[in-house]
Amino acid sequence: MPIAHCHYMPSEGIEIDAQRVLNRWKQLAHCNSEEMTLITSAISQQAGKQYKVVCYLYLPDCWEKTQSEKLQTALSHAVSKELGFSTQHVIVMRGILSSGFVVENGHIVNW
């Protein structure tokens, strides 16, 4: 873990190559973890303030604040650089997960 889920509007002409964004994210975050995951989803509608990409980043609460912030800002820059537009069009929200709030391989994960 970290896991990022990025939603984008294909009507904006956006296509996300998840592997390229993931590689750029790892590079910018200086984190080469095989545990990093990037999920992309096309959405059909967005109301209110418009963003080209909306990302949710999930991290365990055992990470230090500076590490979490670095991963969050690196994700914003990786998405914007790979898609060729400013970070003002990308929002990344971070969710912190407590130990025991994740199930993987059918078992509660504690850290």
PDB file of N, CA and C in Angstrom:
ATOM      1  N   MET A   1       0.866  -1.147   0.000  1.00  0.00           N
ATOM      2  CA  MET A   1       0.000   0.000   0.000  1.00  0.00           C
ATOM      3  C   MET A   1       0.911   1.206   0.000  1.00  0.00           C
ATOM      4  N   PRO A   2       0.809   2.163  -0.744  1.00  0.00           N
ATOM      5  CA  PRO A   2      -0.291   3.073  -1.052  1.00  0.00           C
ATOM      6  C   PRO A   2      -1.114   2.648  -2.273  1.00  0.00           C
ATOM      7  N   ILE A   3      -2.374   3.049  -2.216  1.00  0.00           N
ATOM      8  CA  ILE A   3      -3.290   2.796  -3.319  1.00  0.00           C
ATOM      9  C   ILE A   3      -3.924   4.117  -3.723  1.00  0.00           C
ATOM     10  N   ALA A   4      -3.844   4.420  -5.013  1.00  0.00           N
ATOM     11  CA  ALA A   4      -4.469   5.638  -5.547  1.00  0.00           C
ATOM     12  C   ALA A   4      -5.540   5.237  -6.547  1.00  0.00           C
ATOM     13  N   HIS A   5      -6.675   5.899  -6.438  1.00  0.00           N
ATOM     14  CA  HIS A   5      -7.781   5.677  -7.367  1.00  0.00           C
ATOM     15  C   HIS A   5      -8.057   7.020  -8.032  1.00  0.00           C
ATOM     16  N   CYS A   6      -7.828   7.098  -9.341  1.00  0.00           N
ATOM     17  CA  CYS A   6      -7.975   8.350 -10.086  1.00  0.00           C
ATOM     18  C   CYS A   6      -9.153   8.257 -11.048  1.00  0.00           C
ATOM     19  N   HIS A   7     -10.060   9.225 -10.930  1.00  0.00           N
ATOM     20  CA  HIS A   7     -11.221   9.322 -11.817  1.00  0.00           C
ATOM     21  C   HIS A   7     -10.947  10.440 -12.824  1.00  0.00           C
ATOM     22  N   TYR A   8     -11.318  10.215 -14.065  1.00  0.00           N
ATOM     23  CA  TYR A   8     -11.082  11.227 -15.092  1.00  0.00           C
ATOM     24  C   TYR A   8     -12.263  11.279 -16.051  1.00  0.00           C
ATOM     25  N   MET A   9     -12.368  12.410 -16.741  1.00  0.00           N
ATOM     26  CA  MET A   9     -13.449  12.636 -17.700  1.00  0.00           C
ATOM     27  C   MET A   9     -12.940  12.348 -19.117  1.00  0.00           C
ATOM     28  N   PRO A  10     -13.316  11.226 -19.722  1.00  0.00           N
ATOM     29  CA  PRO A  10     -12.854  10.934 -21.082  1.00  0.00           C
ATOM     30  C   PRO A  10     -13.385  11.942 -22.097  1.00  0.00           C
ATOM     31  N   SER A  11     -14.480  12.629 -21.773  1.00  0.00           N
ATOM     32  CA  SER A  11     -15.015  13.637 -22.695  1.00  0.00           C
ATOM     33  C   SER A  11     -14.056  14.813 -22.859  1.00  0.00           C
ATOM     34  N   GLU A  12     -13.094  14.949 -21.943  1.00  0.00           N
ATOM     35  CA  GLU A  12     -12.066  15.991 -22.047  1.00  0.00           C
ATOM     36  C   GLU A  12     -10.922  15.547 -22.961  1.00  0.00           C
ATOM     37  N   GLY A  13     -11.054  14.391 -23.587  1.00  0.00           N
ATOM     38  CA  GLY A  13     -10.002  13.866 -24.445  1.00  0.00           C
ATOM     39  C   GLY A  13      -8.876  13.220 -23.662  1.00  0.00           C
ATOM     40  N   ILE A  14      -9.147  12.873 -22.424  1.00  0.00           N
ATOM     41  CA  ILE A  14      -8.133  12.307 -21.542  1.00  0.00           C
ATOM     42  C   ILE A  14      -8.165  10.785 -21.619  1.00  0.00           C
ATOM     43  N   GLU A  15      -7.010  10.214 -21.769  1.00  0.00           N
ATOM     44  CA  GLU A  15      -6.817   8.776 -21.634  1.00  0.00           C
ATOM     45  C   GLU A  15      -5.612   8.595 -20.723  1.00  0.00           C
ATOM     46  N   ILE A  16      -5.768   7.815 -19.685  1.00  0.00           N
ATOM     47  CA  ILE A  16      -4.689   7.619 -18.727  1.00  0.00           C
ATOM     48  C   ILE A  16      -4.040   6.253 -18.952  1.00  0.00           C
ATOM     49  N   ASP A  17      -2.730   6.260 -19.141  1.00  0.00           N
ATOM     50  CA  ASP A  17      -1.949   5.028 -19.172  1.00  0.00           C
ATOM     51  C   ASP A  17      -1.494   4.791 -17.734  1.00  0.00           C
ATOM     52  N   ALA A  18      -2.202   3.924 -17.027  1.00  0.00           N
ATOM     53  CA  ALA A  18      -1.966   3.726 -15.596  1.00  0.00           C
ATOM     54  C   ALA A  18      -0.525   3.338 -15.291  1.00  0.00           C
ATOM     55  N   GLN A  19       0.074   2.488 -16.100  1.00  0.00           N
ATOM     56  CA  GLN A  19       1.443   2.052 -15.827  1.00  0.00           C
ATOM     57  C   GLN A  19       2.429   3.207 -15.951  1.00  0.00           C
ATOM     58  N   ARG A  20       2.240   4.057 -16.956  1.00  0.00           N
ATOM     59  CA  ARG A  20       3.129   5.222 -17.114  1.00  0.00           C
ATOM     60  C   ARG A  20       2.992   6.187 -15.943  1.00  0.00           C
ATOM     61  N   VAL A  21       1.748   6.445 -15.529  1.00  0.00           N
ATOM     62  CA  VAL A  21       1.527   7.345 -14.393  1.00  0.00           C
ATOM     63  C   VAL A  21       2.128   6.732 -13.123  1.00  0.00           C
ATOM     64  N   LEU A  22       1.923   5.429 -12.919  1.00  0.00           N
ATOM     65  CA  LEU A  22       2.483   4.756 -11.747  1.00  0.00           C
ATOM     66  C   LEU A  22       4.010   4.866 -11.734  1.00  0.00           C
ATOM     67  N   ASN A  23       4.637   4.627 -12.868  1.00  0.00           N
ATOM     68  CA  ASN A  23       6.100   4.726 -12.943  1.00  0.00           C
ATOM     69  C   ASN A  23       6.577   6.145 -12.647  1.00  0.00           C
ATOM     70  N   ARG A  24       5.880   7.136 -13.186  1.00  0.00           N
ATOM     71  CA  ARG A  24       6.242   8.541 -12.938  1.00  0.00           C
ATOM     72  C   ARG A  24       6.027   8.880 -11.462  1.00  0.00           C
ATOM     73  N   TRP A  25       4.928   8.385 -10.885  1.00  0.00           N
ATOM     74  CA  TRP A  25       4.626   8.624  -9.475  1.00  0.00           C
ATOM     75  C   TRP A  25       5.735   8.059  -8.588  1.00  0.00           C
ATOM     76  N   LYS A  26       6.155   6.822  -8.866  1.00  0.00           N
ATOM     77  CA  LYS A  26       7.242   6.209  -8.104  1.00  0.00           C
ATOM     78  C   LYS A  26       8.513   7.044  -8.204  1.00  0.00           C
ATOM     79  N   GLN A  27       8.805   7.498  -9.411  1.00  0.00           N
ATOM     80  CA  GLN A  27      10.013   8.284  -9.646  1.00  0.00           C
ATOM     81  C   GLN A  27       9.966   9.597  -8.866  1.00  0.00           C
ATOM     82  N   LEU A  28       8.863  10.329  -8.956  1.00  0.00           N
ATOM     83  CA  LEU A  28       8.751  11.631  -8.297  1.00  0.00           C
ATOM     84  C   LEU A  28       8.695  11.507  -6.776  1.00  0.00           C
ATOM     85  N   ALA A  29       8.129  10.400  -6.288  1.00  0.00           N
ATOM     86  CA  ALA A  29       8.024  10.187  -4.840  1.00  0.00           C
ATOM     87  C   ALA A  29       9.283   9.555  -4.256  1.00  0.00           C
ATOM     88  N   HIS A  30      10.203   9.160  -5.136  1.00  0.00           N
ATOM     89  CA  HIS A  30      11.417   8.449  -4.709  1.00  0.00           C
ATOM     90  C   HIS A  30      11.030   7.215  -3.895  1.00  0.00           C
ATOM     91  N   CYS A  31      10.054   6.496  -4.424  1.00  0.00           N
ATOM     92  CA  CYS A  31       9.540   5.305  -3.752  1.00  0.00           C
ATOM     93  C   CYS A  31       9.353   4.227  -4.809  1.00  0.00           C
ATOM     94  N   ASN A  32      10.109   3.161  -4.720  1.00  0.00           N
ATOM     95  CA  ASN A  32      10.031   2.106  -5.724  1.00  0.00           C
ATOM     96  C   ASN A  32       9.349   0.866  -5.160  1.00  0.00           C
ATOM     97  N   SER A  33       8.332   1.099  -4.344  1.00  0.00           N
ATOM     98  CA  SER A  33       7.639  -0.008  -3.701  1.00  0.00           C
ATOM     99  C   SER A  33       6.794  -0.792  -4.697  1.00  0.00           C
ATOM    100  N   GLU A  34       6.873  -2.098  -4.610  1.00  0.00           N
ATOM    101  CA  GLU A  34       6.015  -2.962  -5.423  1.00  0.00           C
ATOM    102  C   GLU A  34       4.601  -3.005  -4.846  1.00  0.00           C
ATOM    103  N   GLU A  35       4.404  -2.380  -3.694  1.00  0.00           N
ATOM    104  CA  GLU A  35       3.100  -2.348  -3.042  1.00  0.00           C
ATOM    105  C   GLU A  35       2.237  -1.191  -3.539  1.00  0.00           C
ATOM    106  N   MET A  36       2.789  -0.296  -4.358  1.00  0.00           N
ATOM    107  CA  MET A  36       2.026   0.844  -4.871  1.00  0.00           C
ATOM    108  C   MET A  36       1.056   0.374  -5.953  1.00  0.00           C
ATOM    109  N   THR A  37      -0.168   0.887  -5.883  1.00  0.00           N
ATOM    110  CA  THR A  37      -1.213   0.523  -6.836  1.00  0.00           C
ATOM    111  C   THR A  37      -1.885   1.783  -7.346  1.00  0.00           C
ATOM    112  N   LEU A  38      -2.152   1.833  -8.654  1.00  0.00           N
ATOM    113  CA  LEU A  38      -2.885   2.935  -9.266  1.00  0.00           C
ATOM    114  C   LEU A  38      -4.057   2.358 -10.041  1.00  0.00           C
ATOM    115  N   ILE A  39      -5.237   2.817  -9.705  1.00  0.00           N
ATOM    116  CA  ILE A  39      -6.467   2.396 -10.374  1.00  0.00           C
ATOM    117  C   ILE A  39      -7.032   3.609 -11.083  1.00  0.00           C
ATOM    118  N   THR A  40      -7.461   3.448 -12.336  1.00  0.00           N
ATOM    119  CA  THR A  40      -8.074   4.559 -13.054  1.00  0.00           C
ATOM    120  C   THR A  40      -9.495   4.187 -13.454  1.00  0.00           C
ATOM    121  N   SER A  41     -10.362   5.192 -13.437  1.00  0.00           N
ATOM    122  CA  SER A  41     -11.768   4.996 -13.798  1.00  0.00           C
ATOM    123  C   SER A  41     -12.260   6.197 -14.584  1.00  0.00           C
ATOM    124  N   ALA A  42     -12.891   5.919 -15.703  1.00  0.00           N
ATOM    125  CA  ALA A  42     -13.544   6.988 -16.465  1.00  0.00           C
ATOM    126  C   ALA A  42     -14.892   7.269 -15.818  1.00  0.00           C
ATOM    127  N   ILE A  43     -15.238   8.534 -15.702  1.00  0.00           N
ATOM    128  CA  ILE A  43     -16.539   8.916 -15.155  1.00  0.00           C
ATOM    129  C   ILE A  43     -17.329   9.642 -16.231  1.00  0.00           C
ATOM    130  N   SER A  44     -18.644   9.561 -16.138  1.00  0.00           N
ATOM    131  CA  SER A  44     -19.477  10.136 -17.188  1.00  0.00           C
ATOM    132  C   SER A  44     -19.951  11.546 -16.880  1.00  0.00           C
ATOM    133  N   GLN A  45     -20.006  11.913 -15.609  1.00  0.00           N
ATOM    134  CA  GLN A  45     -20.494  13.243 -15.250  1.00  0.00           C
ATOM    135  C   GLN A  45     -19.727  13.797 -14.067  1.00  0.00           C
ATOM    136  N   GLN A  46     -19.684  15.119 -14.022  1.00  0.00           N
ATOM    137  CA  GLN A  46     -19.094  15.818 -12.892  1.00  0.00           C
ATOM    138  C   GLN A  46     -19.846  17.133 -12.767  1.00  0.00           C
ATOM    139  N   ALA A  47     -20.321  17.444 -11.579  1.00  0.00           N
ATOM    140  CA  ALA A  47     -21.030  18.692 -11.352  1.00  0.00           C
ATOM    141  C   ALA A  47     -20.230  19.545 -10.371  1.00  0.00           C
ATOM    142  N   GLY A  48     -20.496  20.824 -10.350  1.00  0.00           N
ATOM    143  CA  GLY A  48     -19.785  21.715  -9.435  1.00  0.00           C
ATOM    144  C   GLY A  48     -18.427  22.097  -9.982  1.00  0.00           C
ATOM    145  N   LYS A  49     -17.495  22.355  -9.076  1.00  0.00           N
ATOM    146  CA  LYS A  49     -16.145  22.731  -9.498  1.00  0.00           C
ATOM    147  C   LYS A  49     -15.564  21.613 -10.343  1.00  0.00           C
ATOM    148  N   GLN A  50     -15.006  21.975 -11.465  1.00  0.00           N
ATOM    149  CA  GLN A  50     -14.515  20.987 -12.429  1.00  0.00           C
ATOM    150  C   GLN A  50     -13.022  20.704 -12.251  1.00  0.00           C
ATOM    151  N   TYR A  51     -12.695  19.418 -12.243  1.00  0.00           N
ATOM    152  CA  TYR A  51     -11.321  18.938 -12.266  1.00  0.00           C
ATOM    153  C   TYR A  51     -11.218  17.943 -13.406  1.00  0.00           C
ATOM    154  N   LYS A  52     -10.076  17.924 -14.069  1.00  0.00           N
ATOM    155  CA  LYS A  52      -9.885  16.932 -15.123  1.00  0.00           C
ATOM    156  C   LYS A  52      -9.632  15.557 -14.527  1.00  0.00           C
ATOM    157  N   VAL A  53      -8.978  15.532 -13.356  1.00  0.00           N
ATOM    158  CA  VAL A  53      -8.712  14.267 -12.674  1.00  0.00           C
ATOM    159  C   VAL A  53      -8.924  14.466 -11.172  1.00  0.00           C
ATOM    160  N   VAL A  54      -9.648  13.530 -10.572  1.00  0.00           N
ATOM    161  CA  VAL A  54      -9.884  13.515  -9.124  1.00  0.00           C
ATOM    162  C   VAL A  54      -9.295  12.212  -8.584  1.00  0.00           C
ATOM    163  N   CYS A  55      -8.350  12.335  -7.654  1.00  0.00           N
ATOM    164  CA  CYS A  55      -7.674  11.154  -7.112  1.00  0.00           C
ATOM    165  C   CYS A  55      -7.895  11.030  -5.613  1.00  0.00           C
ATOM    166  N   TYR A  56      -8.072   9.792  -5.188  1.00  0.00           N
ATOM    167  CA  TYR A  56      -8.142   9.447  -3.777  1.00  0.00           C
ATOM    168  C   TYR A  56      -6.925   8.579  -3.482  1.00  0.00           C
ATOM    169  N   LEU A  57      -6.139   8.990  -2.504  1.00  0.00           N
ATOM    170  CA  LEU A  57      -4.929   8.268  -2.131  1.00  0.00           C
ATOM    171  C   LEU A  57      -5.123   7.679  -0.737  1.00  0.00           C
ATOM    172  N   TYR A  58      -4.996   6.371  -0.630  1.00  0.00           N
ATOM    173  CA  TYR A  58      -5.171   5.679   0.644  1.00  0.00           C
ATOM    174  C   TYR A  58      -3.817   5.234   1.172  1.00  0.00           C
ATOM    175  N   LEU A  59      -3.536   5.623   2.420  1.00  0.00           N
ATOM    176  CA  LEU A  59      -2.257   5.305   3.040  1.00  0.00           C
ATOM    177  C   LEU A  59      -2.480   4.774   4.453  1.00  0.00           C
ATOM    178  N   PRO A  60      -1.583   3.896   4.920  1.00  0.00           N
ATOM    179  CA  PRO A  60      -1.677   3.428   6.306  1.00  0.00           C
ATOM    180  C   PRO A  60      -1.242   4.533   7.277  1.00  0.00           C
ATOM    181  N   ASP A  61      -1.815   4.516   8.468  1.00  0.00           N
ATOM    182  CA  ASP A  61      -1.511   5.567   9.439  1.00  0.00           C
ATOM    183  C   ASP A  61      -0.122   5.466  10.052  1.00  0.00           C
ATOM    184  N   CYS A  62       0.621   4.427   9.724  1.00  0.00           N
ATOM    185  CA  CYS A  62       1.972   4.277  10.266  1.00  0.00           C
ATOM    186  C   CYS A  62       3.008   5.094   9.481  1.00  0.00           C
ATOM    187  N   TRP A  63       2.595   5.678   8.360  1.00  0.00           N
ATOM    188  CA  TRP A  63       3.528   6.479   7.577  1.00  0.00           C
ATOM    189  C   TRP A  63       3.668   7.860   8.208  1.00  0.00           C
ATOM    190  N   GLU A  64       4.863   8.400   8.139  1.00  0.00           N
ATOM    191  CA  GLU A  64       5.091   9.747   8.657  1.00  0.00           C
ATOM    192  C   GLU A  64       4.415  10.772   7.750  1.00  0.00           C
ATOM    193  N   LYS A  65       4.064  11.905   8.352  1.00  0.00           N
ATOM    194  CA  LYS A  65       3.353  12.962   7.622  1.00  0.00           C
ATOM    195  C   LYS A  65       4.133  13.411   6.384  1.00  0.00           C
ATOM    196  N   THR A  66       5.435  13.566   6.504  1.00  0.00           N
ATOM    197  CA  THR A  66       6.232  14.033   5.368  1.00  0.00           C
ATOM    198  C   THR A  66       6.218  13.014   4.226  1.00  0.00           C
ATOM    199  N   GLN A  67       6.249  11.706   4.566  1.00  0.00           N
ATOM    200  CA  GLN A  67       6.170  10.661   3.540  1.00  0.00           C
ATOM    201  C   GLN A  67       4.815  10.722   2.835  1.00  0.00           C
ATOM    202  N   SER A  68       3.760  10.863   3.620  1.00  0.00           N
ATOM    203  CA  SER A  68       2.409  10.919   3.064  1.00  0.00           C
ATOM    204  C   SER A  68       2.241  12.124   2.139  1.00  0.00           C
ATOM    205  N   GLU A  69       2.731  13.270   2.580  1.00  0.00           N
ATOM    206  CA  GLU A  69       2.622  14.481   1.767  1.00  0.00           C
ATOM    207  C   GLU A  69       3.421  14.356   0.472  1.00  0.00           C
ATOM    208  N   LYS A  70       4.589  13.732   0.555  1.00  0.00           N
ATOM    209  CA  LYS A  70       5.428  13.544  -0.634  1.00  0.00           C
ATOM    210  C   LYS A  70       4.724  12.650  -1.654  1.00  0.00           C
ATOM    211  N   LEU A  71       4.112  11.559  -1.188  1.00  0.00           N
ATOM    212  CA  LEU A  71       3.369  10.675  -2.093  1.00  0.00           C
ATOM    213  C   LEU A  71       2.179  11.403  -2.709  1.00  0.00           C
ATOM    214  N   GLN A  72       1.515  12.220  -1.927  1.00  0.00           N
ATOM    215  CA  GLN A  72       0.339  12.944  -2.407  1.00  0.00           C
ATOM    216  C   GLN A  72       0.716  13.974  -3.475  1.00  0.00           C
ATOM    217  N   THR A  73       1.712  14.781  -3.210  1.00  0.00           N
ATOM    218  CA  THR A  73       2.110  15.793  -4.201  1.00  0.00           C
ATOM    219  C   THR A  73       2.749  15.138  -5.429  1.00  0.00           C
ATOM    220  N   ALA A  74       3.488  14.059  -5.225  1.00  0.00           N
ATOM    221  CA  ALA A  74       4.091  13.356  -6.365  1.00  0.00           C
ATOM    222  C   ALA A  74       3.015  12.785  -7.278  1.00  0.00           C
ATOM    223  N   LEU A  75       1.925  12.290  -6.700  1.00  0.00           N
ATOM    224  CA  LEU A  75       0.824  11.771  -7.516  1.00  0.00           C
ATOM    225  C   LEU A  75       0.210  12.880  -8.356  1.00  0.00           C
ATOM    226  N   SER A  76      -0.015  14.033  -7.761  1.00  0.00           N
ATOM    227  CA  SER A  76      -0.568  15.176  -8.498  1.00  0.00           C
ATOM    228  C   SER A  76       0.328  15.554  -9.675  1.00  0.00           C
ATOM    229  N   HIS A  77       1.621  15.631  -9.430  1.00  0.00           N
ATOM    230  CA  HIS A  77       2.566  15.995 -10.494  1.00  0.00           C
ATOM    231  C   HIS A  77       2.691  14.899 -11.546  1.00  0.00           C
ATOM    232  N   ALA A  78       2.668  13.639 -11.130  1.00  0.00           N
ATOM    233  CA  ALA A  78       2.770  12.530 -12.092  1.00  0.00           C
ATOM    234  C   ALA A  78       1.580  12.534 -13.042  1.00  0.00           C
ATOM    235  N   VAL A  79       0.377  12.698 -12.505  1.00  0.00           N
ATOM    236  CA  VAL A  79      -0.831  12.733 -13.343  1.00  0.00           C
ATOM    237  C   VAL A  79      -0.772  13.918 -14.298  1.00  0.00           C
ATOM    238  N   SER A  80      -0.473  15.097 -13.776  1.00  0.00           N
ATOM    239  CA  SER A  80      -0.473  16.285 -14.639  1.00  0.00           C
ATOM    240  C   SER A  80       0.617  16.212 -15.705  1.00  0.00           C
ATOM    241  N   LYS A  81       1.797  15.725 -15.363  1.00  0.00           N
ATOM    242  CA  LYS A  81       2.879  15.629 -16.356  1.00  0.00           C
ATOM    243  C   LYS A  81       2.569  14.601 -17.434  1.00  0.00           C
ATOM    244  N   GLU A  82       2.059  13.450 -17.039  1.00  0.00           N
ATOM    245  CA  GLU A  82       1.750  12.412 -18.024  1.00  0.00           C
ATOM    246  C   GLU A  82       0.605  12.820 -18.952  1.00  0.00           C
ATOM    247  N   LEU A  83      -0.312  13.642 -18.454  1.00  0.00           N
ATOM    248  CA  LEU A  83      -1.449  14.061 -19.273  1.00  0.00           C
ATOM    249  C   LEU A  83      -1.229  15.413 -19.932  1.00  0.00           C
ATOM    250  N   GLY A  84      -0.163  16.101 -19.559  1.00  0.00           N
ATOM    251  CA  GLY A  84       0.207  17.333 -20.238  1.00  0.00           C
ATOM    252  C   GLY A  84      -0.595  18.569 -19.853  1.00  0.00           C
ATOM    253  N   PHE A  85      -1.024  18.649 -18.595  1.00  0.00           N
ATOM    254  CA  PHE A  85      -1.671  19.874 -18.157  1.00  0.00           C
ATOM    255  C   PHE A  85      -1.236  20.221 -16.735  1.00  0.00           C
ATOM    256  N   SER A  86      -1.618  21.413 -16.296  1.00  0.00           N
ATOM    257  CA  SER A  86      -1.200  21.947 -15.005  1.00  0.00           C
ATOM    258  C   SER A  86      -1.804  21.160 -13.845  1.00  0.00           C
ATOM    259  N   THR A  87      -1.115  21.196 -12.701  1.00  0.00           N
ATOM    260  CA  THR A  87      -1.631  20.558 -11.495  1.00  0.00           C
ATOM    261  C   THR A  87      -2.912  21.216 -11.005  1.00  0.00           C
ATOM    262  N   GLN A  88      -3.243  22.400 -11.487  1.00  0.00           N
ATOM    263  CA  GLN A  88      -4.493  23.042 -11.058  1.00  0.00           C
ATOM    264  C   GLN A  88      -5.714  22.264 -11.525  1.00  0.00           C
ATOM    265  N   HIS A  89      -5.538  21.352 -12.474  1.00  0.00           N
ATOM    266  CA  HIS A  89      -6.643  20.540 -12.986  1.00  0.00           C
ATOM    267  C   HIS A  89      -6.753  19.181 -12.297  1.00  0.00           C
ATOM    268  N   VAL A  90      -5.901  18.966 -11.289  1.00  0.00           N
ATOM    269  CA  VAL A  90      -5.862  17.683 -10.584  1.00  0.00           C
ATOM    270  C   VAL A  90      -6.059  17.936  -9.094  1.00  0.00           C
ATOM    271  N   ILE A  91      -6.935  17.173  -8.471  1.00  0.00           N
ATOM    272  CA  ILE A  91      -7.072  17.225  -7.016  1.00  0.00           C
ATOM    273  C   ILE A  91      -6.775  15.833  -6.475  1.00  0.00           C
ATOM    274  N   VAL A  92      -5.976  15.795  -5.411  1.00  0.00           N
ATOM    275  CA  VAL A  92      -5.622  14.534  -4.766  1.00  0.00           C
ATOM    276  C   VAL A  92      -6.012  14.648  -3.296  1.00  0.00           C
ATOM    277  N   MET A  93      -6.897  13.773  -2.859  1.00  0.00           N
ATOM    278  CA  MET A  93      -7.335  13.742  -1.471  1.00  0.00           C
ATOM    279  C   MET A  93      -6.759  12.499  -0.811  1.00  0.00           C
ATOM    280  N   ARG A  94      -6.254  12.689   0.390  1.00  0.00           N
ATOM    281  CA  ARG A  94      -5.568  11.602   1.089  1.00  0.00           C
ATOM    282  C   ARG A  94      -6.464  11.058   2.200  1.00  0.00           C
ATOM    283  N   GLY A  95      -6.613   9.748   2.230  1.00  0.00           N
ATOM    284  CA  GLY A  95      -7.327   9.074   3.306  1.00  0.00           C
ATOM    285  C   GLY A  95      -6.348   8.208   4.077  1.00  0.00           C
ATOM    286  N   ILE A  96      -6.398   8.327   5.392  1.00  0.00           N
ATOM    287  CA  ILE A  96      -5.487   7.576   6.236  1.00  0.00           C
ATOM    288  C   ILE A  96      -6.244   6.399   6.855  1.00  0.00           C
ATOM    289  N   LEU A  97      -5.700   5.207   6.682  1.00  0.00           N
ATOM    290  CA  LEU A  97      -6.330   3.985   7.172  1.00  0.00           C
ATOM    291  C   LEU A  97      -5.618   3.486   8.427  1.00  0.00           C
ATOM    292  N   SER A  98      -6.394   3.171   9.424  1.00  0.00           N
ATOM    293  CA  SER A  98      -5.852   2.631  10.672  1.00  0.00           C
ATOM    294  C   SER A  98      -5.534   1.147  10.511  1.00  0.00           C
ATOM    295  N   SER A  99      -4.638   0.676  11.342  1.00  0.00           N
ATOM    296  CA  SER A  99      -4.325  -0.749  11.379  1.00  0.00           C
ATOM    297  C   SER A  99      -5.603  -1.530  11.635  1.00  0.00           C
ATOM    298  N   GLY A 100      -5.790  -2.591  10.859  1.00  0.00           N
ATOM    299  CA  GLY A 100      -6.984  -3.414  11.005  1.00  0.00           C
ATOM    300  C   GLY A 100      -8.142  -3.000  10.117  1.00  0.00           C
ATOM    301  N   PHE A 101      -7.988  -1.919   9.354  1.00  0.00           N
ATOM    302  CA  PHE A 101      -9.064  -1.434   8.482  1.00  0.00           C
ATOM    303  C   PHE A 101      -8.926  -1.923   7.049  1.00  0.00           C
ATOM    304  N   VAL A 102      -8.014  -2.851   6.811  1.00  0.00           N
ATOM    305  CA  VAL A 102      -7.774  -3.390   5.478  1.00  0.00           C
ATOM    306  C   VAL A 102      -7.858  -4.911   5.544  1.00  0.00           C
ATOM    307  N   VAL A 103      -8.512  -5.488   4.553  1.00  0.00           N
ATOM    308  CA  VAL A 103      -8.530  -6.939   4.396  1.00  0.00           C
ATOM    309  C   VAL A 103      -7.813  -7.256   3.092  1.00  0.00           C
ATOM    310  N   GLU A 104      -6.798  -8.094   3.167  1.00  0.00           N
ATOM    311  CA  GLU A 104      -6.050  -8.520   1.984  1.00  0.00           C
ATOM    312  C   GLU A 104      -5.874 -10.027   2.069  1.00  0.00           C
ATOM    313  N   ASN A 105      -6.108 -10.703   0.961  1.00  0.00           N
ATOM    314  CA  ASN A 105      -6.032 -12.167   0.930  1.00  0.00           C
ATOM    315  C   ASN A 105      -6.944 -12.809   1.980  1.00  0.00           C
ATOM    316  N   GLY A 106      -8.072 -12.140   2.251  1.00  0.00           N
ATOM    317  CA  GLY A 106      -9.047 -12.683   3.175  1.00  0.00           C
ATOM    318  C   GLY A 106      -8.730 -12.505   4.650  1.00  0.00           C
ATOM    319  N   HIS A 107      -7.673 -11.733   4.958  1.00  0.00           N
ATOM    320  CA  HIS A 107      -7.261 -11.566   6.350  1.00  0.00           C
ATOM    321  C   HIS A 107      -7.106 -10.081   6.684  1.00  0.00           C
ATOM    322  N   ILE A 108      -7.442  -9.749   7.907  1.00  0.00           N
ATOM    323  CA  ILE A 108      -7.231  -8.385   8.410  1.00  0.00           C
ATOM    324  C   ILE A 108      -5.734  -8.106   8.406  1.00  0.00           C
ATOM    325  N   VAL A 109      -5.367  -6.924   7.922  1.00  0.00           N
ATOM    326  CA  VAL A 109      -3.958  -6.516   7.886  1.00  0.00           C
ATOM    327  C   VAL A 109      -3.713  -5.546   9.032  1.00  0.00           C
ATOM    328  N   ASN A 110      -2.743  -5.889   9.856  1.00  0.00           N
ATOM    329  CA  ASN A 110      -2.309  -5.010  10.956  1.00  0.00           C
ATOM    330  C   ASN A 110      -0.876  -4.588  10.710  1.00  0.00           C
ATOM    331  N   TRP A 111      -0.585  -3.349  11.029  1.00  0.00           N
ATOM    332  CA  TRP A 111       0.787  -2.867  10.898  1.00  0.00           C
ATOM    333  C   TRP A 111       1.216  -2.184  12.165  1.00  0.00           C
TER     334      TRP A 111
END
